[in-house]
Amino acid sequence: MQNKYKDFQTLFLFIVLWLSALCPMAIQAQDYMPKILSMQSRAKLINDWLYIRAKTVLPALMKHEDIDMWIIMSREYNEDPVIETMLPAEWMAARRRTILVMYQPKQGSLETLAIARYDVGKVFKRAWNPEKQPNQWKALADVIAQRNPQKIALNYSKEFGLADGVNWKEMEELKANLSAKFVKKIVSGERLAIGWLETRTPQEMAVYSQVMRIAHQIISEGFSEKVIQPGVTTTQDVQWWYRDRIAELKLQAWFHPSVDIQRNDANRNEQSRSFASKPGEEVIMPGDLIHVDFGITYLRLNTDTQQHAYILKPDETEAPKGLRDAFKVGMRLQDILTDQFKVGRTGNEVLKRALTQANQEGIEATIYTHPIGFHGHAAGPTIGLWDQQGGVPGKGDYPLHYNTAYSIELNAKVKIPEWNNKKIRVMLEEDGYFDKTGFQYIGGRQKQILLIPRPMRHLDVKKRK
């Protein structure tokens, strides 16, 4: 019996090896979802990252901005965007009123305090005893007076919503409980808020590539015959498949995915459609070029990706050459933009240089790139908006810093010879990281149009004359 079992194993192994040799694409085409951590493991990692950021990013940032005290205040369910990134993973929101104080003396270590009834995670230690001082605002005033800071930064900003988290009530209460001496020391914490939010640590970047691989894999699954049956499946079907798939993986979508179509139809003028108007539901057909805009949140990090797929006709094994060439133009535009990334350049300067170079190369370009990280449209320099190609006052005047991430979002309009020279938009978006070594994509970028269905190279589908 054992010999027969061994013979069966040998035969099975032979068959597997024979099939893989006959059709290697069948083995290689299998898709595997990268590892996704349990909720408990995620919480531990997020808390570890927060502790590291408090010990490294925070003191360096406060010294660089020459601010010795930073106060962040929030009431439950009315959270400052910054405080949300400083709360431990187990906290879903601020509790009652949560006040965090960061004090960096000229000499000595950074203090991270919580004017709260309990510690806020392992970073912010409780500095208020309600039994001795029932008034939370007076307790905060005492902490300030004891340390006598030269500047007190609060999160208010004219241009950056993510740095404008202090609300009117908290501001008024703080001022009412401070002496005039300290009220005069209140300054905007805009640069602290943006710096904290935009700075990525080595620990985060070690994992960010896996986050992007997960996003890319989900996109690939959705843009495949697993989900799309040409002639039946609609663009909305695919959108909602993505939402369901994200939920199945216990991830979050930070915006509703969009799926749209460009096709060889002279009566359609997709390349002129305003991004302010979304296309309606359409049935996906052979010969369509489909496009997705997709983003997930995982481990407090966000992705934002746009990719293309082509629906093969029955006698096709690849997309028309015109579409393939157009995709290369889009990739060239990506390179033109990221080549302009230099530390200290503002978003508006990068935009202008990139558009100038694209124009010189004959590329009809639109660039609307943004930072990414703790938020999808994150803190940092805006590099164009789709309806503001001359620069973005305020947000576009902010400079590039090292150790920051960006969503390289843009499009190039290109004529397709096989479609009677109809213009299409090659709309691309991939996330990347900028540091002293230069710019690189996080988890890579799409280098060719996905094909639906995936070609089975061992089958002949060509027409016979």
Protein backbone atom coordinates (compact mmCIF):
# COMPACT_ATOMS: atom_id res chain seq x y z
CA MET A 1 0.00 0.00 0.00
CA GLN A 2 2.82 2.42 0.91
CA ASN A 3 4.57 1.68 -2.41
CA LYS A 4 1.36 2.45 -4.31
CA TYR A 5 1.04 5.75 -2.40
CA LYS A 6 4.61 6.67 -3.27
CA ASP A 7 3.96 5.76 -6.90
CA PHE A 8 0.91 8.04 -6.89
CA GLN A 9 2.95 10.90 -5.41
CA THR A 10 5.61 10.42 -8.09
CA LEU A 11 3.00 10.39 -10.85
CA PHE A 12 1.28 13.52 -9.46
CA LEU A 13 4.59 15.39 -9.25
CA PHE A 14 5.41 14.37 -12.82
CA ILE A 15 2.06 15.68 -14.06
CA VAL A 16 2.51 19.02 -12.26
CA LEU A 17 6.01 19.47 -13.69
CA TRP A 18 4.81 18.48 -17.15
CA LEU A 19 1.95 20.97 -17.06
CA SER A 20 4.18 23.77 -15.79
CA ALA A 21 6.66 23.09 -18.60
CA LEU A 22 3.88 22.97 -21.17
CA CYS A 23 2.20 26.14 -19.95
CA PRO A 24 4.44 28.16 -17.61
CA MET A 25 2.09 31.11 -17.87
CA ALA A 26 -0.60 29.11 -16.08
CA ILE A 27 1.63 28.86 -13.03
CA GLN A 28 3.12 32.36 -13.21
CA ALA A 29 -0.22 34.06 -13.79
CA GLN A 30 -1.53 32.98 -10.39
CA ASP A 31 -1.95 35.98 -8.15
CA TYR A 32 -1.19 35.93 -4.46
CA MET A 33 -2.36 38.47 -1.92
CA PRO A 34 0.53 39.77 0.22
CA LYS A 35 0.36 39.25 3.96
CA ILE A 36 -2.20 41.35 5.80
CA LEU A 37 -1.73 41.64 9.56
CA SER A 38 -4.31 40.79 12.20
CA MET A 39 -5.98 43.67 14.01
CA GLN A 40 -3.88 43.00 17.11
CA SER A 41 -0.64 42.99 15.12
CA ARG A 42 -1.66 46.18 13.34
CA ALA A 43 -2.31 47.95 16.64
CA LYS A 44 1.07 46.92 18.02
CA LEU A 45 2.86 48.12 14.90
CA ILE A 46 1.01 51.46 14.85
CA ASN A 47 1.83 52.06 18.53
CA ASP A 48 5.47 51.12 18.01
CA TRP A 49 5.69 53.54 15.09
CA LEU A 50 4.10 56.30 17.16
CA TYR A 51 6.64 55.79 19.93
CA ILE A 52 9.52 55.94 17.42
CA ARG A 53 8.11 59.06 15.76
CA ALA A 54 7.76 60.79 19.13
CA LYS A 55 11.42 60.05 19.89
CA THR A 56 12.84 60.99 16.49
CA VAL A 57 10.56 63.06 14.23
CA LEU A 58 9.01 65.25 16.91
CA PRO A 59 12.08 66.68 18.69
CA ALA A 60 13.94 67.25 15.42
CA LEU A 61 10.91 69.03 13.98
CA MET A 62 10.42 71.31 16.97
CA LYS A 63 14.08 72.26 17.02
CA HIS A 64 14.06 72.94 13.28
CA GLU A 65 11.02 75.21 13.57
CA ASP A 66 12.39 76.84 16.75
CA ILE A 67 9.20 76.19 18.73
CA ASP A 68 9.52 74.88 22.26
CA MET A 69 5.86 74.09 23.04
CA TRP A 70 3.17 72.59 20.84
CA ILE A 71 -0.37 72.11 22.14
CA ILE A 72 -3.03 70.05 20.38
CA MET A 73 -6.58 70.09 21.77
CA SER A 74 -9.64 68.15 20.65
CA ARG A 75 -13.04 67.15 21.87
CA GLU A 76 -14.48 63.70 21.25
CA TYR A 77 -15.59 63.25 17.60
CA ASN A 78 -14.29 66.69 16.66
CA GLU A 79 -10.67 65.67 16.28
CA ASP A 80 -7.81 67.74 14.98
CA PRO A 81 -6.37 65.86 11.94
CA VAL A 82 -2.99 65.81 13.68
CA ILE A 83 -4.21 64.42 17.00
CA GLU A 84 -5.78 61.50 15.14
CA THR A 85 -2.25 60.43 14.14
CA MET A 86 -0.98 60.74 17.72
CA LEU A 87 -3.64 58.67 19.45
CA PRO A 88 -2.84 55.01 20.21
CA ALA A 89 -4.34 52.40 17.89
CA GLU A 90 -6.83 51.30 20.54
CA TRP A 91 -8.38 54.78 20.65
CA MET A 92 -11.02 55.37 18.00
CA ALA A 93 -11.35 59.05 18.93
CA ALA A 94 -10.31 61.62 21.50
CA ARG A 95 -11.98 61.07 24.89
CA ARG A 96 -14.02 63.90 26.36
CA ARG A 97 -11.49 66.67 25.86
CA THR A 98 -7.98 65.44 25.08
CA ILE A 99 -5.10 67.92 25.35
CA LEU A 100 -1.58 66.95 24.31
CA VAL A 101 1.43 69.07 25.21
CA MET A 102 4.87 68.67 23.65
CA TYR A 103 7.68 70.67 25.24
CA GLN A 104 11.20 70.77 23.85
CA PRO A 105 13.54 72.80 26.10
CA LYS A 106 16.73 74.29 24.71
CA GLN A 107 18.64 71.81 26.82
CA GLY A 108 17.14 68.45 27.66
CA SER A 109 14.79 65.86 26.31
CA LEU A 110 11.37 66.31 24.81
CA GLU A 111 8.43 66.05 27.18
CA THR A 112 5.17 64.59 25.89
CA LEU A 113 2.29 65.20 28.29
CA ALA A 114 -1.45 64.60 28.36
CA ILE A 115 -3.73 67.01 30.19
CA ALA A 116 -6.20 64.17 30.56
CA ARG A 117 -7.49 61.77 33.20
CA TYR A 118 -5.18 59.02 31.96
CA ASP A 119 -2.12 58.37 29.86
CA VAL A 120 -2.71 58.65 26.13
CA GLY A 121 -0.94 55.51 25.01
CA LYS A 122 2.66 54.97 26.00
CA VAL A 123 3.84 58.29 24.53
CA PHE A 124 1.80 60.95 26.36
CA LYS A 125 1.92 60.71 30.14
CA ARG A 126 -0.87 62.08 32.31
CA ALA A 127 -0.04 65.51 33.75
CA TRP A 128 -3.39 66.34 35.32
CA ASN A 129 -4.81 65.21 38.64
CA PRO A 130 -8.50 66.20 38.77
CA GLU A 131 -8.54 65.54 42.52
CA LYS A 132 -6.10 68.41 43.08
CA GLN A 133 -7.17 70.69 40.21
CA PRO A 134 -10.69 70.00 38.91
CA ASN A 135 -10.42 72.56 36.11
CA GLN A 136 -8.67 71.04 33.07
CA TRP A 137 -7.85 74.44 31.57
CA LYS A 138 -6.22 75.68 34.75
CA ALA A 139 -4.21 72.45 34.90
CA LEU A 140 -2.98 73.20 31.36
CA ALA A 141 -2.17 76.79 32.36
CA ASP A 142 -0.11 75.47 35.28
CA VAL A 143 1.89 73.17 33.00
CA ILE A 144 2.59 76.10 30.67
CA ALA A 145 3.60 78.45 33.49
CA GLN A 146 5.94 75.88 35.02
CA ARG A 147 7.84 75.49 31.75
CA ASN A 148 7.69 79.13 30.63
CA PRO A 149 7.89 78.48 26.84
CA GLN A 150 9.04 81.15 24.43
CA LYS A 151 6.52 80.09 21.77
CA ILE A 152 3.24 78.21 22.09
CA ALA A 153 2.17 76.65 18.80
CA LEU A 154 -1.49 75.90 18.08
CA ASN A 155 -2.82 74.29 14.93
CA TYR A 156 -4.29 77.14 12.95
CA SER A 157 -3.52 77.84 9.30
CA LYS A 158 -4.93 79.92 6.47
CA GLU A 159 -3.96 77.57 3.63
CA PHE A 160 -3.71 74.04 5.03
CA GLY A 161 -6.85 72.41 6.39
CA LEU A 162 -4.82 69.60 7.93
CA ALA A 163 -2.93 72.20 9.99
CA ASP A 164 -6.06 74.12 11.02
CA GLY A 165 -7.45 71.71 13.59
CA VAL A 166 -7.88 73.90 16.66
CA ASN A 167 -11.50 75.00 16.99
CA TRP A 168 -12.83 78.33 18.17
CA LYS A 169 -14.05 77.08 21.57
CA GLU A 170 -10.73 75.47 22.50
CA MET A 171 -8.82 78.58 21.44
CA GLU A 172 -11.06 80.87 23.49
CA GLU A 173 -10.89 78.65 26.57
CA LEU A 174 -7.11 78.46 26.42
CA LYS A 175 -6.71 82.23 26.07
CA ALA A 176 -9.18 82.87 28.90
CA ASN A 177 -7.08 80.78 31.28
CA LEU A 178 -3.65 82.09 30.29
CA SER A 179 -1.97 85.24 31.49
CA ALA A 180 -1.48 87.99 28.91
CA LYS A 181 2.24 87.11 28.91
CA PHE A 182 1.57 83.66 27.47
CA VAL A 183 -1.29 84.68 25.17
CA LYS A 184 1.22 86.89 23.36
CA LYS A 185 3.41 83.85 22.78
CA ILE A 186 0.80 81.92 20.80
CA VAL A 187 1.92 81.25 17.21
CA SER A 188 0.72 79.11 14.32
CA GLY A 189 1.85 75.49 14.42
CA GLU A 190 1.30 75.13 10.67
CA ARG A 191 4.86 74.01 9.88
CA LEU A 192 4.91 71.61 12.83
CA ALA A 193 1.62 70.05 11.75
CA ILE A 194 2.64 69.66 8.12
CA GLY A 195 6.10 68.41 9.04
CA TRP A 196 4.72 65.81 11.43
CA LEU A 197 2.15 64.58 8.93
CA GLU A 198 4.35 64.52 5.83
CA THR A 199 7.50 62.94 7.32
CA ARG A 200 7.83 59.21 6.75
CA THR A 201 10.13 57.14 8.96
CA PRO A 202 12.33 54.23 7.84
CA GLN A 203 10.09 51.89 9.83
CA GLU A 204 6.99 53.09 7.97
CA MET A 205 8.69 52.89 4.59
CA ALA A 206 9.78 49.30 5.23
CA VAL A 207 6.07 48.40 5.30
CA TYR A 208 4.66 50.97 2.85
CA SER A 209 5.84 48.95 -0.14
CA GLN A 210 3.77 46.01 1.11
CA VAL A 211 0.75 48.30 1.51
CA MET A 212 1.19 49.32 -2.12
CA ARG A 213 1.58 45.70 -3.24
CA ILE A 214 -1.75 44.91 -1.60
CA ALA A 215 -3.38 47.84 -3.43
CA HIS A 216 -1.83 46.79 -6.74
CA GLN A 217 -2.96 43.21 -6.24
CA ILE A 218 -6.56 44.24 -5.53
CA ILE A 219 -6.56 46.39 -8.68
CA SER A 220 -5.19 43.47 -10.70
CA GLU A 221 -7.88 41.14 -9.36
CA GLY A 222 -10.63 43.59 -10.23
CA PHE A 223 -9.22 44.21 -13.69
CA SER A 224 -9.32 40.55 -14.69
CA GLU A 225 -11.70 37.91 -16.01
CA LYS A 226 -12.27 36.94 -12.38
CA VAL A 227 -14.49 40.03 -12.11
CA ILE A 228 -15.19 41.30 -15.63
CA GLN A 229 -17.29 39.47 -18.20
CA PRO A 230 -17.27 41.69 -21.31
CA GLY A 231 -20.76 42.41 -22.55
CA VAL A 232 -22.25 41.85 -19.09
CA THR A 233 -20.22 43.55 -16.37
CA THR A 234 -20.71 47.29 -15.86
CA THR A 235 -18.35 49.93 -14.57
CA GLN A 236 -20.41 50.20 -11.39
CA ASP A 237 -20.24 46.43 -10.90
CA VAL A 238 -16.46 46.70 -10.81
CA GLN A 239 -16.52 49.71 -8.50
CA TRP A 240 -18.64 47.86 -5.98
CA TRP A 241 -16.57 44.68 -6.35
CA TYR A 242 -13.59 46.74 -5.23
CA ARG A 243 -15.51 48.01 -2.19
CA ASP A 244 -16.53 44.46 -1.27
CA ARG A 245 -13.00 43.13 -1.75
CA ILE A 246 -11.52 45.85 0.46
CA ALA A 247 -14.03 45.01 3.18
CA GLU A 248 -13.29 41.26 2.85
CA LEU A 249 -9.62 41.97 3.52
CA LYS A 250 -10.52 44.07 6.61
CA LEU A 251 -9.08 47.18 4.99
CA GLN A 252 -10.66 50.59 4.40
CA ALA A 253 -11.39 52.59 1.26
CA TRP A 254 -10.70 56.28 1.81
CA PHE A 255 -12.76 57.16 -1.27
CA HIS A 256 -15.21 55.30 -3.48
CA PRO A 257 -13.36 53.72 -6.43
CA SER A 258 -14.20 54.97 -9.90
CA VAL A 259 -14.09 52.95 -13.12
CA ASP A 260 -14.59 54.54 -16.54
CA ILE A 261 -14.24 53.68 -20.21
CA GLN A 262 -12.58 55.12 -23.31
CA ARG A 263 -13.42 53.41 -26.60
CA ASN A 264 -13.12 53.68 -30.38
CA ASP A 265 -16.23 55.74 -30.94
CA ALA A 266 -16.05 59.08 -32.75
CA ASN A 267 -19.24 60.23 -31.03
CA ARG A 268 -17.61 59.98 -27.62
CA ASN A 269 -15.23 62.71 -26.47
CA GLU A 270 -13.94 61.33 -23.17
CA GLN A 271 -10.69 63.30 -23.24
CA SER A 272 -12.63 66.56 -22.88
CA ARG A 273 -14.73 65.41 -19.91
CA SER A 274 -14.35 67.58 -16.83
CA PHE A 275 -13.09 65.76 -13.75
CA ALA A 276 -15.85 67.53 -11.84
CA SER A 277 -18.42 65.29 -13.57
CA LYS A 278 -18.36 61.52 -13.18
CA PRO A 279 -19.40 59.30 -16.12
CA GLY A 280 -22.51 57.15 -15.77
CA GLU A 281 -22.73 53.38 -15.61
CA GLU A 282 -21.65 51.59 -18.79
CA VAL A 283 -21.35 47.97 -19.92
CA ILE A 284 -17.72 47.00 -20.51
CA MET A 285 -17.15 45.69 -24.05
CA PRO A 286 -14.29 44.12 -26.04
CA GLY A 287 -12.01 46.83 -27.42
CA ASP A 288 -12.55 49.15 -24.41
CA LEU A 289 -9.75 50.86 -22.53
CA ILE A 290 -10.86 50.93 -18.91
CA HIS A 291 -9.44 53.01 -16.09
CA VAL A 292 -9.66 52.79 -12.31
CA ASP A 293 -8.97 55.29 -9.53
CA PHE A 294 -8.48 53.34 -6.30
CA GLY A 295 -7.19 53.90 -2.76
CA ILE A 296 -7.01 51.99 0.53
CA THR A 297 -6.05 52.78 4.11
CA TYR A 298 -4.00 50.23 6.03
CA LEU A 299 -1.79 50.79 9.09
CA ARG A 300 -2.80 54.48 8.95
CA LEU A 301 -1.07 54.75 5.56
CA ASN A 302 -2.98 55.55 2.38
CA THR A 303 -2.57 54.58 -1.26
CA ASP A 304 -3.88 56.34 -4.36
CA THR A 305 -3.53 54.56 -7.68
CA GLN A 306 -4.86 54.89 -11.22
CA GLN A 307 -4.27 52.14 -13.75
CA HIS A 308 -5.52 51.01 -17.16
CA ALA A 309 -6.68 47.72 -18.67
CA TYR A 310 -7.67 46.79 -22.21
CA ILE A 311 -10.50 44.38 -23.02
CA LEU A 312 -9.17 42.04 -25.70
CA LYS A 313 -11.28 41.30 -28.75
CA PRO A 314 -11.66 37.59 -29.59
CA ASP A 315 -8.80 37.63 -32.12
CA GLU A 316 -6.39 39.81 -30.08
CA THR A 317 -3.53 38.85 -27.78
CA GLU A 318 -2.38 42.39 -27.00
CA ALA A 319 -3.68 45.94 -26.94
CA PRO A 320 -3.46 47.99 -30.17
CA LYS A 321 -0.01 49.49 -30.74
CA GLY A 322 -1.43 53.02 -30.53
CA LEU A 323 -2.65 52.39 -26.98
CA ARG A 324 0.64 50.80 -25.99
CA ASP A 325 2.57 53.76 -27.38
CA ALA A 326 0.22 56.19 -25.63
CA PHE A 327 0.90 54.43 -22.33
CA LYS A 328 4.63 55.00 -22.85
CA VAL A 329 3.92 58.72 -23.29
CA GLY A 330 2.15 58.71 -19.92
CA MET A 331 5.12 56.99 -18.30
CA ARG A 332 7.46 59.53 -19.88
CA LEU A 333 5.38 62.30 -18.33
CA GLN A 334 5.77 60.61 -14.95
CA ASP A 335 9.55 60.64 -15.42
CA ILE A 336 9.55 64.29 -16.48
CA LEU A 337 7.70 65.23 -13.30
CA THR A 338 9.73 63.17 -10.82
CA ASP A 339 13.01 64.35 -12.40
CA GLN A 340 12.07 67.82 -11.16
CA PHE A 341 11.93 66.73 -7.50
CA LYS A 342 14.62 68.75 -5.73
CA VAL A 343 14.62 69.53 -2.03
CA GLY A 344 13.59 73.13 -1.37
CA ARG A 345 11.71 73.57 -4.64
CA THR A 346 8.10 74.54 -4.17
CA GLY A 347 5.24 72.59 -5.65
CA ASN A 348 4.60 75.44 -8.08
CA GLU A 349 8.22 75.44 -9.23
CA VAL A 350 8.16 71.69 -9.84
CA LEU A 351 4.89 72.03 -11.76
CA LYS A 352 6.14 74.81 -14.00
CA ARG A 353 9.42 73.05 -14.83
CA ALA A 354 7.67 69.75 -15.58
CA LEU A 355 5.02 71.32 -17.82
CA THR A 356 7.69 73.28 -19.69
CA GLN A 357 9.70 70.10 -20.34
CA ALA A 358 6.59 68.16 -21.38
CA ASN A 359 5.65 70.93 -23.83
CA GLN A 360 9.15 70.87 -25.32
CA GLU A 361 8.73 67.13 -25.91
CA GLY A 362 5.33 67.61 -27.52
CA ILE A 363 3.35 66.04 -24.70
CA GLU A 364 -0.10 67.49 -24.01
CA ALA A 365 0.11 67.23 -20.23
CA THR A 366 -1.97 67.96 -17.15
CA ILE A 367 -0.35 67.47 -13.72
CA TYR A 368 -2.20 67.30 -10.40
CA THR A 369 0.12 65.56 -7.96
CA HIS A 370 -0.30 65.60 -4.18
CA PRO A 371 1.43 64.31 -1.04
CA ILE A 372 0.24 61.05 0.48
CA GLY A 373 0.69 59.32 3.83
CA PHE A 374 -1.51 59.66 6.90
CA HIS A 375 -4.14 61.12 4.58
CA GLY A 376 -4.98 60.45 0.94
CA HIS A 377 -4.68 64.11 -0.06
CA ALA A 378 -2.01 64.65 2.54
CA ALA A 379 0.03 67.47 4.04
CA GLY A 380 2.81 69.01 1.98
CA PRO A 381 3.28 70.78 -1.36
CA THR A 382 0.50 70.63 -3.94
CA ILE A 383 1.94 70.15 -7.44
CA GLY A 384 -0.87 71.43 -9.62
CA LEU A 385 -4.61 70.84 -9.63
CA TRP A 386 -6.41 69.56 -12.71
CA ASP A 387 -8.09 72.96 -13.09
CA GLN A 388 -5.08 75.04 -11.92
CA GLN A 389 -2.13 74.37 -14.20
CA GLY A 390 -0.63 77.80 -13.62
CA GLY A 391 0.20 76.99 -10.00
CA VAL A 392 -1.69 76.77 -6.72
CA PRO A 393 -1.29 79.79 -4.40
CA GLY A 394 -0.53 78.84 -0.82
CA LYS A 395 -0.33 75.04 -0.88
CA GLY A 396 1.75 75.13 -4.07
CA ASP A 397 4.24 77.52 -2.45
CA TYR A 398 5.24 74.97 0.18
CA PRO A 399 8.68 73.38 -0.48
CA LEU A 400 9.64 69.74 -0.93
CA HIS A 401 11.37 68.05 1.99
CA TYR A 402 13.19 64.75 2.17
CA ASN A 403 11.52 61.64 3.59
CA THR A 404 8.12 62.49 2.12
CA ALA A 405 5.70 60.57 -0.09
CA TYR A 406 3.70 61.70 -3.12
CA SER A 407 0.94 60.43 -5.35
CA ILE A 408 2.22 61.09 -8.88
CA GLU A 409 -1.10 61.93 -10.52
CA LEU A 410 -1.31 63.26 -14.08
CA ASN A 411 -2.56 62.62 -17.58
CA ALA A 412 -1.32 62.91 -21.15
CA LYS A 413 -3.62 63.35 -24.15
CA VAL A 414 -2.50 61.18 -27.06
CA LYS A 415 -3.92 60.40 -30.52
CA ILE A 416 -4.60 56.73 -31.27
CA PRO A 417 -4.04 55.87 -34.97
CA GLU A 418 -6.18 52.71 -34.79
CA TRP A 419 -9.05 54.82 -33.46
CA ASN A 420 -9.00 57.32 -36.38
CA ASN A 421 -6.59 59.52 -34.40
CA LYS A 422 -9.10 60.01 -31.63
CA LYS A 423 -7.45 61.48 -28.53
CA ILE A 424 -7.53 59.62 -25.26
CA ARG A 425 -6.31 60.50 -21.79
CA VAL A 426 -3.63 58.26 -20.31
CA MET A 427 -4.54 58.87 -16.67
CA LEU A 428 -1.85 57.54 -14.35
CA GLU A 429 -1.33 57.69 -10.62
CA GLU A 430 1.31 55.87 -8.59
CA ASP A 431 2.73 56.55 -5.13
CA GLY A 432 6.40 57.28 -4.57
CA TYR A 433 8.95 58.33 -1.95
CA PHE A 434 11.45 61.19 -2.05
CA ASP A 435 14.64 61.20 0.02
CA LYS A 436 18.31 62.13 -0.33
CA THR A 437 18.86 59.33 -2.84
CA GLY A 438 16.15 60.69 -5.14
CA PHE A 439 12.65 59.56 -6.07
CA GLN A 440 11.42 55.98 -6.27
CA TYR A 441 8.01 54.36 -6.60
CA ILE A 442 6.67 52.60 -3.53
CA GLY A 443 6.05 49.04 -4.65
CA GLY A 444 6.71 49.89 -8.31
CA ARG A 445 4.45 51.36 -11.00
CA GLN A 446 2.33 49.97 -13.80
CA LYS A 447 4.59 49.54 -16.81
CA GLN A 448 2.11 48.17 -19.32
CA ILE A 449 -1.63 48.02 -19.85
CA LEU A 450 -3.34 45.10 -18.12
CA LEU A 451 -5.17 42.73 -20.46
CA ILE A 452 -8.62 41.22 -19.91
CA PRO A 453 -8.80 38.29 -20.20
CA ARG A 454 -5.19 37.48 -19.43
CA PRO A 455 -3.74 35.95 -22.63
CA MET A 456 -3.23 32.20 -22.60
CA ARG A 457 -0.05 32.08 -24.64
CA HIS A 458 -0.37 28.38 -25.43
CA LEU A 459 -3.64 28.96 -27.32
CA ASP A 460 -3.93 30.30 -30.88
CA VAL A 461 -6.69 32.90 -31.17
CA LYS A 462 -5.69 34.53 -34.46
CA LYS A 463 -8.16 34.64 -37.32
CA ARG A 464 -7.41 32.40 -40.29
CA LYS A 465 -7.89 33.80 -43.78
